[in-house]
Amino acid sequence: ANAPSNFYINGRYILQPEIFALLGNQQRGADDEIQLTDAMVRLSKEQPFFAQPFLGRMFDCGSKEGFIQANIAFALARDDMKGPVFEMLQEFVRSHERQEEAA
């Protein structure tokens, strides 16, 4: 699909009360659900809307790969976990390489 931008919503909102009136009479969108983002677009046409750009690393935890990436990154950022987790990952890679060579 052609997205209008490469921005995404990172999960936290401070919304004005008017959003609830829009949600109350909104048609269902994707997956036959009432979509908050649809109401936000409608409200943005009536009043100012602000966002805070996030420049950090983002993980798509809705995918299996992104969920694993997030957990590994979190573990490697912790002093009490990074050593053991790094060693575990190295062993996984070595084991995988041995299996590939044997195949």
PDB file of N, CA and C in Angstrom:
ATOM      1  N   ALA A   1       0.842  -1.187   0.000  1.00  0.00           N
ATOM      2  CA  ALA A   1       0.000   0.000   0.000  1.00  0.00           C
ATOM      3  C   ALA A   1       0.880   1.241   0.000  1.00  0.00           C
ATOM      4  N   ASN A   2       0.319   2.322  -0.428  1.00  0.00           N
ATOM      5  CA  ASN A   2       1.040   3.593  -0.446  1.00  0.00           C
ATOM      6  C   ASN A   2       0.705   4.390   0.801  1.00  0.00           C
ATOM      7  N   ALA A   3       1.581   4.330   1.775  1.00  0.00           N
ATOM      8  CA  ALA A   3       1.381   5.084   3.012  1.00  0.00           C
ATOM      9  C   ALA A   3       1.660   6.560   2.744  1.00  0.00           C
ATOM     10  N   PRO A   4       0.918   7.450   3.407  1.00  0.00           N
ATOM     11  CA  PRO A   4       1.131   8.883   3.183  1.00  0.00           C
ATOM     12  C   PRO A   4       2.447   9.394   3.767  1.00  0.00           C
ATOM     13  N   SER A   5       3.059   8.629   4.663  1.00  0.00           N
ATOM     14  CA  SER A   5       4.345   9.031   5.242  1.00  0.00           C
ATOM     15  C   SER A   5       5.024   7.798   5.819  1.00  0.00           C
ATOM     16  N   ASN A   6       6.221   7.989   6.326  1.00  0.00           N
ATOM     17  CA  ASN A   6       6.904   6.883   6.984  1.00  0.00           C
ATOM     18  C   ASN A   6       6.874   7.049   8.502  1.00  0.00           C
ATOM     19  N   PHE A   7       5.954   7.849   9.004  1.00  0.00           N
ATOM     20  CA  PHE A   7       5.772   8.028  10.437  1.00  0.00           C
ATOM     21  C   PHE A   7       4.904   6.907  10.987  1.00  0.00           C
ATOM     22  N   TYR A   8       5.037   6.654  12.255  1.00  0.00           N
ATOM     23  CA  TYR A   8       4.217   5.654  12.924  1.00  0.00           C
ATOM     24  C   TYR A   8       3.868   6.171  14.308  1.00  0.00           C
ATOM     25  N   ILE A   9       2.898   5.566  14.931  1.00  0.00           N
ATOM     26  CA  ILE A   9       2.490   5.953  16.279  1.00  0.00           C
ATOM     27  C   ILE A   9       3.119   4.976  17.253  1.00  0.00           C
ATOM     28  N   ASN A  10       3.785   5.526  18.235  1.00  0.00           N
ATOM     29  CA  ASN A  10       4.600   4.732  19.139  1.00  0.00           C
ATOM     30  C   ASN A  10       3.892   4.361  20.436  1.00  0.00           C
ATOM     31  N   GLY A  11       2.595   4.592  20.541  1.00  0.00           N
ATOM     32  CA  GLY A  11       1.859   4.003  21.647  1.00  0.00           C
ATOM     33  C   GLY A  11       1.443   4.880  22.800  1.00  0.00           C
ATOM     34  N   ARG A  12       1.748   6.154  22.812  1.00  0.00           N
ATOM     35  CA  ARG A  12       1.306   7.009  23.910  1.00  0.00           C
ATOM     36  C   ARG A  12       0.585   8.217  23.337  1.00  0.00           C
ATOM     37  N   TYR A  13      -0.530   8.568  23.951  1.00  0.00           N
ATOM     38  CA  TYR A  13      -1.338   9.677  23.459  1.00  0.00           C
ATOM     39  C   TYR A  13      -1.764  10.573  24.617  1.00  0.00           C
ATOM     40  N   ILE A  14      -1.874  11.842  24.341  1.00  0.00           N
ATOM     41  CA  ILE A  14      -2.598  12.777  25.195  1.00  0.00           C
ATOM     42  C   ILE A  14      -3.639  13.380  24.263  1.00  0.00           C
ATOM     43  N   LEU A  15      -4.883  12.963  24.437  1.00  0.00           N
ATOM     44  CA  LEU A  15      -5.943  13.346  23.507  1.00  0.00           C
ATOM     45  C   LEU A  15      -6.915  14.315  24.164  1.00  0.00           C
ATOM     46  N   GLN A  16      -7.484  15.162  23.346  1.00  0.00           N
ATOM     47  CA  GLN A  16      -8.504  16.091  23.817  1.00  0.00           C
ATOM     48  C   GLN A  16      -9.832  15.344  23.972  1.00  0.00           C
ATOM     49  N   PRO A  17     -10.710  15.815  24.866  1.00  0.00           N
ATOM     50  CA  PRO A  17     -11.983  15.115  25.120  1.00  0.00           C
ATOM     51  C   PRO A  17     -12.868  14.966  23.882  1.00  0.00           C
ATOM     52  N   GLU A  18     -12.707  15.847  22.911  1.00  0.00           N
ATOM     53  CA  GLU A  18     -13.537  15.782  21.702  1.00  0.00           C
ATOM     54  C   GLU A  18     -13.363  14.472  20.936  1.00  0.00           C
ATOM     55  N   ILE A  19     -12.286  13.766  21.178  1.00  0.00           N
ATOM     56  CA  ILE A  19     -12.039  12.505  20.471  1.00  0.00           C
ATOM     57  C   ILE A  19     -13.141  11.486  20.750  1.00  0.00           C
ATOM     58  N   PHE A  20     -13.705  11.538  21.964  1.00  0.00           N
ATOM     59  CA  PHE A  20     -14.699  10.527  22.346  1.00  0.00           C
ATOM     60  C   PHE A  20     -16.005  10.694  21.581  1.00  0.00           C
ATOM     61  N   ALA A  21     -16.392  11.923  21.291  1.00  0.00           N
ATOM     62  CA  ALA A  21     -17.588  12.143  20.474  1.00  0.00           C
ATOM     63  C   ALA A  21     -17.364  11.595  19.066  1.00  0.00           C
ATOM     64  N   LEU A  22     -16.173  11.793  18.538  1.00  0.00           N
ATOM     65  CA  LEU A  22     -15.870  11.265  17.203  1.00  0.00           C
ATOM     66  C   LEU A  22     -15.862   9.742  17.197  1.00  0.00           C
ATOM     67  N   LEU A  23     -15.300   9.145  18.238  1.00  0.00           N
ATOM     68  CA  LEU A  23     -15.280   7.681  18.319  1.00  0.00           C
ATOM     69  C   LEU A  23     -16.685   7.110  18.455  1.00  0.00           C
ATOM     70  N   GLY A  24     -17.564   7.855  19.137  1.00  0.00           N
ATOM     71  CA  GLY A  24     -18.923   7.377  19.381  1.00  0.00           C
ATOM     72  C   GLY A  24     -19.757   7.221  18.126  1.00  0.00           C
ATOM     73  N   ASN A  25     -19.456   7.997  17.093  1.00  0.00           N
ATOM     74  CA  ASN A  25     -20.245   7.872  15.861  1.00  0.00           C
ATOM     75  C   ASN A  25     -19.360   7.601  14.647  1.00  0.00           C
ATOM     76  N   GLN A  26     -18.294   6.877  14.877  1.00  0.00           N
ATOM     77  CA  GLN A  26     -17.365   6.558  13.794  1.00  0.00           C
ATOM     78  C   GLN A  26     -17.695   5.212  13.160  1.00  0.00           C
ATOM     79  N   GLN A  27     -17.552   5.150  11.852  1.00  0.00           N
ATOM     80  CA  GLN A  27     -17.732   3.877  11.161  1.00  0.00           C
ATOM     81  C   GLN A  27     -16.541   2.972  11.446  1.00  0.00           C
ATOM     82  N   ARG A  28     -16.799   1.693  11.375  1.00  0.00           N
ATOM     83  CA  ARG A  28     -15.729   0.724  11.617  1.00  0.00           C
ATOM     84  C   ARG A  28     -14.749   0.743  10.454  1.00  0.00           C
ATOM     85  N   GLY A  29     -13.479   0.496  10.786  1.00  0.00           N
ATOM     86  CA  GLY A  29     -12.423   0.520   9.771  1.00  0.00           C
ATOM     87  C   GLY A  29     -11.813  -0.851   9.586  1.00  0.00           C
ATOM     88  N   ALA A  30     -10.493  -0.899   9.576  1.00  0.00           N
ATOM     89  CA  ALA A  30      -9.750  -2.146   9.360  1.00  0.00           C
ATOM     90  C   ALA A  30     -10.180  -3.210  10.355  1.00  0.00           C
ATOM     91  N   ASP A  31     -10.319  -4.428   9.862  1.00  0.00           N
ATOM     92  CA  ASP A  31     -10.732  -5.579  10.679  1.00  0.00           C
ATOM     93  C   ASP A  31     -12.070  -5.352  11.377  1.00  0.00           C
ATOM     94  N   ASP A  32     -12.899  -4.489  10.794  1.00  0.00           N
ATOM     95  CA  ASP A  32     -14.231  -4.193  11.327  1.00  0.00           C
ATOM     96  C   ASP A  32     -14.169  -3.645  12.756  1.00  0.00           C
ATOM     97  N   GLU A  33     -13.102  -2.915  13.068  1.00  0.00           N
ATOM     98  CA  GLU A  33     -12.931  -2.324  14.391  1.00  0.00           C
ATOM     99  C   GLU A  33     -13.020  -0.807  14.292  1.00  0.00           C
ATOM    100  N   ILE A  34     -13.389  -0.180  15.381  1.00  0.00           N
ATOM    101  CA  ILE A  34     -13.343   1.275  15.459  1.00  0.00           C
ATOM    102  C   ILE A  34     -11.877   1.663  15.625  1.00  0.00           C
ATOM    103  N   GLN A  35     -11.363   2.448  14.703  1.00  0.00           N
ATOM    104  CA  GLN A  35      -9.944   2.790  14.676  1.00  0.00           C
ATOM    105  C   GLN A  35      -9.700   4.160  15.306  1.00  0.00           C
ATOM    106  N   LEU A  36      -8.906   4.174  16.365  1.00  0.00           N
ATOM    107  CA  LEU A  36      -8.550   5.429  17.020  1.00  0.00           C
ATOM    108  C   LEU A  36      -7.839   6.362  16.051  1.00  0.00           C
ATOM    109  N   THR A  37      -6.961   5.815  15.221  1.00  0.00           N
ATOM    110  CA  THR A  37      -6.218   6.682  14.301  1.00  0.00           C
ATOM    111  C   THR A  37      -7.144   7.383  13.310  1.00  0.00           C
ATOM    112  N   ASP A  38      -8.232   6.732  12.906  1.00  0.00           N
ATOM    113  CA  ASP A  38      -9.196   7.391  12.018  1.00  0.00           C
ATOM    114  C   ASP A  38      -9.821   8.596  12.715  1.00  0.00           C
ATOM    115  N   ALA A  39     -10.178   8.433  13.982  1.00  0.00           N
ATOM    116  CA  ALA A  39     -10.747   9.546  14.743  1.00  0.00           C
ATOM    117  C   ALA A  39      -9.707  10.643  14.954  1.00  0.00           C
ATOM    118  N   MET A  40      -8.465  10.266  15.147  1.00  0.00           N
ATOM    119  CA  MET A  40      -7.406  11.261  15.321  1.00  0.00           C
ATOM    120  C   MET A  40      -7.225  12.089  14.050  1.00  0.00           C
ATOM    121  N   VAL A  41      -7.306  11.451  12.897  1.00  0.00           N
ATOM    122  CA  VAL A  41      -7.204  12.182  11.632  1.00  0.00           C
ATOM    123  C   VAL A  41      -8.360  13.164  11.513  1.00  0.00           C
ATOM    124  N   ARG A  42      -9.561  12.716  11.840  1.00  0.00           N
ATOM    125  CA  ARG A  42     -10.727  13.612  11.777  1.00  0.00           C
ATOM    126  C   ARG A  42     -10.557  14.793  12.719  1.00  0.00           C
ATOM    127  N   LEU A  43     -10.111  14.529  13.945  1.00  0.00           N
ATOM    128  CA  LEU A  43      -9.946  15.602  14.922  1.00  0.00           C
ATOM    129  C   LEU A  43      -8.834  16.564  14.505  1.00  0.00           C
ATOM    130  N   SER A  44      -7.802  16.052  13.844  1.00  0.00           N
ATOM    131  CA  SER A  44      -6.695  16.918  13.414  1.00  0.00           C
ATOM    132  C   SER A  44      -7.143  17.945  12.378  1.00  0.00           C
ATOM    133  N   LYS A  45      -8.274  17.691  11.736  1.00  0.00           N
ATOM    134  CA  LYS A  45      -8.815  18.650  10.773  1.00  0.00           C
ATOM    135  C   LYS A  45      -9.614  19.747  11.461  1.00  0.00           C
ATOM    136  N   GLU A  46      -9.925  19.544  12.756  1.00  0.00           N
ATOM    137  CA  GLU A  46     -10.717  20.511  13.509  1.00  0.00           C
ATOM    138  C   GLU A  46      -9.893  21.318  14.506  1.00  0.00           C
ATOM    139  N   GLN A  47      -8.773  20.791  14.951  1.00  0.00           N
ATOM    140  CA  GLN A  47      -7.955  21.475  15.954  1.00  0.00           C
ATOM    141  C   GLN A  47      -6.500  21.042  15.795  1.00  0.00           C
ATOM    142  N   PRO A  48      -5.581  21.817  16.360  1.00  0.00           N
ATOM    143  CA  PRO A  48      -4.161  21.457  16.231  1.00  0.00           C
ATOM    144  C   PRO A  48      -3.857  20.102  16.861  1.00  0.00           C
ATOM    145  N   PHE A  49      -2.937  19.417  16.249  1.00  0.00           N
ATOM    146  CA  PHE A  49      -2.468  18.119  16.739  1.00  0.00           C
ATOM    147  C   PHE A  49      -0.950  18.182  16.790  1.00  0.00           C
ATOM    148  N   PHE A  50      -0.368  17.634  17.827  1.00  0.00           N
ATOM    149  CA  PHE A  50       1.080  17.699  17.995  1.00  0.00           C
ATOM    150  C   PHE A  50       1.647  16.302  18.191  1.00  0.00           C
ATOM    151  N   ALA A  51       2.897  16.142  17.808  1.00  0.00           N
ATOM    152  CA  ALA A  51       3.589  14.868  17.982  1.00  0.00           C
ATOM    153  C   ALA A  51       5.016  15.146  18.428  1.00  0.00           C
ATOM    154  N   GLN A  52       5.591  14.177  19.088  1.00  0.00           N
ATOM    155  CA  GLN A  52       6.992  14.262  19.492  1.00  0.00           C
ATOM    156  C   GLN A  52       7.770  13.214  18.707  1.00  0.00           C
ATOM    157  N   PRO A  53       8.629  13.637  17.796  1.00  0.00           N
ATOM    158  CA  PRO A  53       9.419  12.646  17.059  1.00  0.00           C
ATOM    159  C   PRO A  53      10.305  11.834  18.006  1.00  0.00           C
ATOM    160  N   PHE A  54      10.389  10.557  17.733  1.00  0.00           N
ATOM    161  CA  PHE A  54      11.213   9.646  18.519  1.00  0.00           C
ATOM    162  C   PHE A  54      12.406   9.248  17.667  1.00  0.00           C
ATOM    163  N   LEU A  55      13.598   9.514  18.168  1.00  0.00           N
ATOM    164  CA  LEU A  55      14.796   9.257  17.380  1.00  0.00           C
ATOM    165  C   LEU A  55      15.543   8.007  17.831  1.00  0.00           C
ATOM    166  N   GLY A  56      14.985   7.276  18.764  1.00  0.00           N
ATOM    167  CA  GLY A  56      15.636   6.073  19.269  1.00  0.00           C
ATOM    168  C   GLY A  56      15.368   4.867  18.391  1.00  0.00           C
ATOM    169  N   ARG A  57      15.777   3.719  18.870  1.00  0.00           N
ATOM    170  CA  ARG A  57      15.578   2.471  18.128  1.00  0.00           C
ATOM    171  C   ARG A  57      14.162   1.968  18.363  1.00  0.00           C
ATOM    172  N   MET A  58      13.539   1.496  17.328  1.00  0.00           N
ATOM    173  CA  MET A  58      12.164   1.032  17.384  1.00  0.00           C
ATOM    174  C   MET A  58      12.126  -0.446  17.042  1.00  0.00           C
ATOM    175  N   PHE A  59      11.267  -1.187  17.734  1.00  0.00           N
ATOM    176  CA  PHE A  59      11.069  -2.606  17.462  1.00  0.00           C
ATOM    177  C   PHE A  59       9.593  -2.849  17.205  1.00  0.00           C
ATOM    178  N   ASP A  60       9.289  -3.609  16.188  1.00  0.00           N
ATOM    179  CA  ASP A  60       7.911  -3.987  15.889  1.00  0.00           C
ATOM    180  C   ASP A  60       7.599  -5.267  16.653  1.00  0.00           C
ATOM    181  N   CYS A  61       7.105  -5.116  17.877  1.00  0.00           N
ATOM    182  CA  CYS A  61       6.835  -6.291  18.715  1.00  0.00           C
ATOM    183  C   CYS A  61       5.575  -7.026  18.289  1.00  0.00           C
ATOM    184  N   GLY A  62       4.919  -6.553  17.238  1.00  0.00           N
ATOM    185  CA  GLY A  62       3.802  -7.285  16.674  1.00  0.00           C
ATOM    186  C   GLY A  62       4.254  -8.416  15.768  1.00  0.00           C
ATOM    187  N   SER A  63       5.540  -8.431  15.438  1.00  0.00           N
ATOM    188  CA  SER A  63       6.086  -9.545  14.656  1.00  0.00           C
ATOM    189  C   SER A  63       6.965 -10.391  15.567  1.00  0.00           C
ATOM    190  N   LYS A  64       7.100 -11.662  15.235  1.00  0.00           N
ATOM    191  CA  LYS A  64       7.939 -12.555  16.041  1.00  0.00           C
ATOM    192  C   LYS A  64       9.385 -12.076  16.047  1.00  0.00           C
ATOM    193  N   GLU A  65       9.885 -11.704  14.888  1.00  0.00           N
ATOM    194  CA  GLU A  65      11.272 -11.248  14.781  1.00  0.00           C
ATOM    195  C   GLU A  65      11.502  -9.981  15.609  1.00  0.00           C
ATOM    196  N   GLY A  66      10.597  -9.020  15.500  1.00  0.00           N
ATOM    197  CA  GLY A  66      10.734  -7.776  16.257  1.00  0.00           C
ATOM    198  C   GLY A  66      10.658  -7.996  17.752  1.00  0.00           C
ATOM    199  N   PHE A  67       9.795  -8.912  18.170  1.00  0.00           N
ATOM    200  CA  PHE A  67       9.672  -9.231  19.597  1.00  0.00           C
ATOM    201  C   PHE A  67      10.984  -9.799  20.131  1.00  0.00           C
ATOM    202  N   ILE A  68      11.589 -10.711  19.366  1.00  0.00           N
ATOM    203  CA  ILE A  68      12.866 -11.298  19.783  1.00  0.00           C
ATOM    204  C   ILE A  68      13.956 -10.231  19.785  1.00  0.00           C
ATOM    205  N   GLN A  69      13.993  -9.388  18.757  1.00  0.00           N
ATOM    206  CA  GLN A  69      14.988  -8.316  18.707  1.00  0.00           C
ATOM    207  C   GLN A  69      14.877  -7.403  19.924  1.00  0.00           C
ATOM    208  N   ALA A  70      13.660  -7.028  20.282  1.00  0.00           N
ATOM    209  CA  ALA A  70      13.455  -6.136  21.426  1.00  0.00           C
ATOM    210  C   ALA A  70      13.953  -6.767  22.712  1.00  0.00           C
ATOM    211  N   ASN A  71      13.661  -8.037  22.895  1.00  0.00           N
ATOM    212  CA  ASN A  71      14.090  -8.714  24.117  1.00  0.00           C
ATOM    213  C   ASN A  71      15.605  -8.867  24.182  1.00  0.00           C
ATOM    214  N   ILE A  72      16.226  -9.170  23.057  1.00  0.00           N
ATOM    215  CA  ILE A  72      17.689  -9.282  23.038  1.00  0.00           C
ATOM    216  C   ILE A  72      18.322  -7.919  23.304  1.00  0.00           C
ATOM    217  N   ALA A  73      17.829  -6.883  22.649  1.00  0.00           N
ATOM    218  CA  ALA A  73      18.378  -5.539  22.863  1.00  0.00           C
ATOM    219  C   ALA A  73      18.222  -5.116  24.320  1.00  0.00           C
ATOM    220  N   PHE A  74      17.063  -5.398  24.905  1.00  0.00           N
ATOM    221  CA  PHE A  74      16.819  -5.064  26.307  1.00  0.00           C
ATOM    222  C   PHE A  74      17.796  -5.806  27.206  1.00  0.00           C
ATOM    223  N   ALA A  75      17.983  -7.092  26.953  1.00  0.00           N
ATOM    224  CA  ALA A  75      18.888  -7.893  27.780  1.00  0.00           C
ATOM    225  C   ALA A  75      20.329  -7.414  27.642  1.00  0.00           C
ATOM    226  N   LEU A  76      20.755  -7.090  26.424  1.00  0.00           N
ATOM    227  CA  LEU A  76      22.133  -6.648  26.213  1.00  0.00           C
ATOM    228  C   LEU A  76      22.393  -5.259  26.790  1.00  0.00           C
ATOM    229  N   ALA A  77      21.341  -4.500  27.045  1.00  0.00           N
ATOM    230  CA  ALA A  77      21.493  -3.167  27.645  1.00  0.00           C
ATOM    231  C   ALA A  77      21.598  -3.229  29.166  1.00  0.00           C
ATOM    232  N   ARG A  78      21.332  -4.384  29.742  1.00  0.00           N
ATOM    233  CA  ARG A  78      21.373  -4.536  31.203  1.00  0.00           C
ATOM    234  C   ARG A  78      22.711  -5.123  31.639  1.00  0.00           C
ATOM    235  N   ASP A  79      23.342  -4.470  32.598  1.00  0.00           N
ATOM    236  CA  ASP A  79      24.636  -4.949  33.090  1.00  0.00           C
ATOM    237  C   ASP A  79      24.546  -6.354  33.669  1.00  0.00           C
ATOM    238  N   ASP A  80      23.425  -6.678  34.303  1.00  0.00           N
ATOM    239  CA  ASP A  80      23.295  -7.992  34.943  1.00  0.00           C
ATOM    240  C   ASP A  80      22.961  -9.113  33.961  1.00  0.00           C
ATOM    241  N   MET A  81      22.664  -8.777  32.708  1.00  0.00           N
ATOM    242  CA  MET A  81      22.264  -9.797  31.745  1.00  0.00           C
ATOM    243  C   MET A  81      23.142  -9.868  30.506  1.00  0.00           C
ATOM    244  N   LYS A  82      23.828  -8.775  30.176  1.00  0.00           N
ATOM    245  CA  LYS A  82      24.489  -8.733  28.864  1.00  0.00           C
ATOM    246  C   LYS A  82      25.541  -9.822  28.687  1.00  0.00           C
ATOM    247  N   GLY A  83      26.326 -10.119  29.706  1.00  0.00           N
ATOM    248  CA  GLY A  83      27.350 -11.159  29.570  1.00  0.00           C
ATOM    249  C   GLY A  83      26.759 -12.522  29.272  1.00  0.00           C
ATOM    250  N   PRO A  84      25.874 -13.021  30.141  1.00  0.00           N
ATOM    251  CA  PRO A  84      25.285 -14.337  29.888  1.00  0.00           C
ATOM    252  C   PRO A  84      24.478 -14.410  28.588  1.00  0.00           C
ATOM    253  N   VAL A  85      23.746 -13.353  28.266  1.00  0.00           N
ATOM    254  CA  VAL A  85      22.935 -13.366  27.041  1.00  0.00           C
ATOM    255  C   VAL A  85      23.838 -13.338  25.812  1.00  0.00           C
ATOM    256  N   PHE A  86      24.897 -12.538  25.849  1.00  0.00           N
ATOM    257  CA  PHE A  86      25.830 -12.491  24.723  1.00  0.00           C
ATOM    258  C   PHE A  86      26.478 -13.855  24.502  1.00  0.00           C
ATOM    259  N   GLU A  87      26.884 -14.505  25.581  1.00  0.00           N
ATOM    260  CA  GLU A  87      27.471 -15.848  25.466  1.00  0.00           C
ATOM    261  C   GLU A  87      26.461 -16.844  24.899  1.00  0.00           C
ATOM    262  N   MET A  88      25.216 -16.753  25.350  1.00  0.00           N
ATOM    263  CA  MET A  88      24.172 -17.640  24.845  1.00  0.00           C
ATOM    264  C   MET A  88      23.977 -17.436  23.343  1.00  0.00           C
ATOM    265  N   LEU A  89      23.941 -16.178  22.908  1.00  0.00           N
ATOM    266  CA  LEU A  89      23.765 -15.890  21.483  1.00  0.00           C
ATOM    267  C   LEU A  89      24.935 -16.423  20.662  1.00  0.00           C
ATOM    268  N   GLN A  90      26.141 -16.253  21.182  1.00  0.00           N
ATOM    269  CA  GLN A  90      27.306 -16.790  20.477  1.00  0.00           C
ATOM    270  C   GLN A  90      27.204 -18.307  20.341  1.00  0.00           C
ATOM    271  N   GLU A  91      26.759 -18.978  21.389  1.00  0.00           N
ATOM    272  CA  GLU A  91      26.620 -20.436  21.331  1.00  0.00           C
ATOM    273  C   GLU A  91      25.535 -20.834  20.336  1.00  0.00           C
ATOM    274  N   PHE A  92      24.433 -20.092  20.294  1.00  0.00           N
ATOM    275  CA  PHE A  92      23.395 -20.370  19.299  1.00  0.00           C
ATOM    276  C   PHE A  92      23.966 -20.261  17.887  1.00  0.00           C
ATOM    277  N   VAL A  93      24.751 -19.218  17.636  1.00  0.00           N
ATOM    278  CA  VAL A  93      25.333 -19.022  16.304  1.00  0.00           C
ATOM    279  C   VAL A  93      26.300 -20.154  15.977  1.00  0.00           C
ATOM    280  N   ARG A  94      27.169 -20.500  16.921  1.00  0.00           N
ATOM    281  CA  ARG A  94      28.118 -21.601  16.679  1.00  0.00           C
ATOM    282  C   ARG A  94      27.377 -22.907  16.400  1.00  0.00           C
ATOM    283  N   SER A  95      26.351 -23.187  17.184  1.00  0.00           N
ATOM    284  CA  SER A  95      25.574 -24.408  16.995  1.00  0.00           C
ATOM    285  C   SER A  95      24.901 -24.413  15.625  1.00  0.00           C
ATOM    286  N   HIS A  96      24.353 -23.278  15.241  1.00  0.00           N
ATOM    287  CA  HIS A  96      23.701 -23.164  13.935  1.00  0.00           C
ATOM    288  C   HIS A  96      24.721 -23.385  12.812  1.00  0.00           C
ATOM    289  N   GLU A  97      25.902 -22.791  12.957  1.00  0.00           N
ATOM    290  CA  GLU A  97      26.937 -22.961  11.933  1.00  0.00           C
ATOM    291  C   GLU A  97      27.366 -24.422  11.817  1.00  0.00           C
ATOM    292  N   ARG A  98      27.487 -25.111  12.958  1.00  0.00           N
ATOM    293  CA  ARG A  98      27.849 -26.536  12.924  1.00  0.00           C
ATOM    294  C   ARG A  98      26.774 -27.351  12.210  1.00  0.00           C
ATOM    295  N   GLN A  99      25.520 -27.043  12.482  1.00  0.00           N
ATOM    296  CA  GLN A  99      24.418 -27.761  11.832  1.00  0.00           C
ATOM    297  C   GLN A  99      24.419 -27.505  10.330  1.00  0.00           C
ATOM    298  N   GLU A 100      24.701 -26.269   9.928  1.00  0.00           N
ATOM    299  CA  GLU A 100      24.747 -25.930   8.503  1.00  0.00           C
ATOM    300  C   GLU A 100      25.886 -26.672   7.805  1.00  0.00           C
ATOM    301  N   GLU A 101      27.033 -26.747   8.472  1.00  0.00           N
ATOM    302  CA  GLU A 101      28.179 -27.443   7.881  1.00  0.00           C
ATOM    303  C   GLU A 101      27.910 -28.938   7.745  1.00  0.00           C
ATOM    304  N   ALA A 102      27.184 -29.507   8.695  1.00  0.00           N
ATOM    305  CA  ALA A 102      26.899 -30.947   8.682  1.00  0.00           C
ATOM    306  C   ALA A 102      25.836 -31.307   7.652  1.00  0.00           C
ATOM    307  N   ALA A 103      25.057 -30.352   7.254  1.00  0.00           N
ATOM    308  CA  ALA A 103      23.948 -30.634   6.324  1.00  0.00           C
ATOM    309  C   ALA A 103      24.410 -30.825   4.903  1.00  0.00           C
TER     310      ALA A 103
END
